[in-house]
Amino acid sequence: MTSEPHPTYFSFVAFYIPRPPALDKPLNNSIARAQDSLFQLRTAWRGEVVVAKYSSTNPALMIHCEPADFPIVQNYFTRADPTQ
């Protein structure tokens, strides 16, 4: 009896380090460009953001992002509220 291979799923994790309110938070220009016409200054992402991609077969290791992953990440940052 042969077992069928399990499909591989990918997950993305965004690491966002908010700064204390007293410190000036620079605008994240990369996310602002990705948001394009949906960009709003009052709800802009500020500070450093790192996105990591993981595989379901070995979640302890990060894997390389591909150009096809950009629309997925862009969609998240277009809709996600950085204040929550």
Protein backbone atom coordinates (compact mmCIF):
# COMPACT_ATOMS: atom_id res chain seq x y z
CA MET A 1 0.00 0.00 0.00
CA THR A 2 1.47 3.33 -1.00
CA SER A 3 0.63 6.50 0.78
CA GLU A 4 -0.21 9.59 -1.17
CA PRO A 5 2.09 12.54 -0.61
CA HIS A 6 0.74 15.30 1.56
CA PRO A 7 0.27 18.63 -0.19
CA THR A 8 2.61 21.42 0.81
CA TYR A 9 1.02 24.59 2.12
CA PHE A 10 2.78 27.89 2.63
CA SER A 11 2.29 30.43 5.37
CA PHE A 12 3.44 34.00 5.62
CA VAL A 13 4.29 35.71 8.89
CA ALA A 14 4.70 39.46 9.20
CA PHE A 15 6.96 40.67 11.99
CA TYR A 16 6.09 44.25 12.90
CA ILE A 17 7.88 46.07 15.69
CA PRO A 18 5.92 49.13 16.70
CA ARG A 19 7.89 51.90 18.35
CA PRO A 20 6.89 53.69 21.54
CA PRO A 21 4.60 56.67 20.86
CA ALA A 22 7.28 59.14 21.98
CA LEU A 23 9.63 58.10 19.16
CA ASP A 24 9.22 59.36 15.62
CA LYS A 25 8.05 56.50 13.41
CA PRO A 26 9.20 56.69 9.81
CA LEU A 27 6.72 55.86 7.11
CA ASN A 28 7.26 52.43 5.52
CA ASN A 29 7.61 53.52 1.90
CA SER A 30 7.64 49.97 0.51
CA ILE A 31 4.20 49.22 1.92
CA ALA A 32 2.93 52.67 0.89
CA ARG A 33 3.96 51.95 -2.72
CA ALA A 34 2.33 48.51 -2.57
CA GLN A 35 -0.93 50.02 -1.31
CA ASP A 36 -0.89 52.40 -4.28
CA SER A 37 -4.25 54.23 -4.55
CA LEU A 38 -5.51 52.72 -1.25
CA PHE A 39 -2.74 54.41 0.74
CA GLN A 40 -3.94 56.65 3.58
CA LEU A 41 -1.46 58.61 5.67
CA ARG A 42 -3.48 58.40 8.90
CA THR A 43 -3.45 54.56 8.85
CA ALA A 44 -0.03 54.13 7.24
CA TRP A 45 2.35 51.36 8.23
CA ARG A 46 5.33 52.86 10.03
CA GLY A 47 8.62 51.34 11.09
CA GLU A 48 10.26 48.09 10.11
CA VAL A 49 8.28 45.14 8.74
CA VAL A 50 9.74 41.76 7.83
CA VAL A 51 7.71 39.11 5.98
CA ALA A 52 8.78 35.47 6.21
CA LYS A 53 7.49 32.50 4.23
CA TYR A 54 7.25 29.04 5.78
CA SER A 55 6.42 25.60 4.42
CA SER A 56 4.00 23.18 6.06
CA THR A 57 6.47 20.32 5.57
CA ASN A 58 9.10 21.97 7.78
CA PRO A 59 7.73 25.01 9.64
CA ALA A 60 11.05 25.51 11.45
CA LEU A 61 12.71 26.76 8.26
CA MET A 62 11.99 29.87 6.24
CA ILE A 63 11.91 29.48 2.47
CA HIS A 64 12.54 31.92 -0.37
CA CYS A 65 9.73 34.15 -1.53
CA GLU A 66 8.99 34.17 -5.21
CA PRO A 67 7.65 36.96 -7.44
CA ALA A 68 4.28 35.18 -7.40
CA ASP A 69 4.10 35.76 -3.63
CA PHE A 70 4.08 39.56 -3.98
CA PRO A 71 0.31 39.87 -4.73
CA ILE A 72 -0.49 37.80 -1.63
CA VAL A 73 1.65 39.99 0.62
CA GLN A 74 0.42 43.16 -1.11
CA ASN A 75 -3.19 42.11 -0.54
CA TYR A 76 -2.53 41.60 3.18
CA PHE A 77 -0.87 45.00 3.66
CA THR A 78 -3.56 46.73 1.63
CA ARG A 79 -6.29 45.47 3.96
CA ALA A 80 -4.57 45.01 7.34
CA ASP A 81 -4.72 47.75 9.95
CA PRO A 82 -1.28 48.34 11.51
CA THR A 83 -2.82 49.69 14.71
CA GLN A 84 -4.36 46.35 15.65
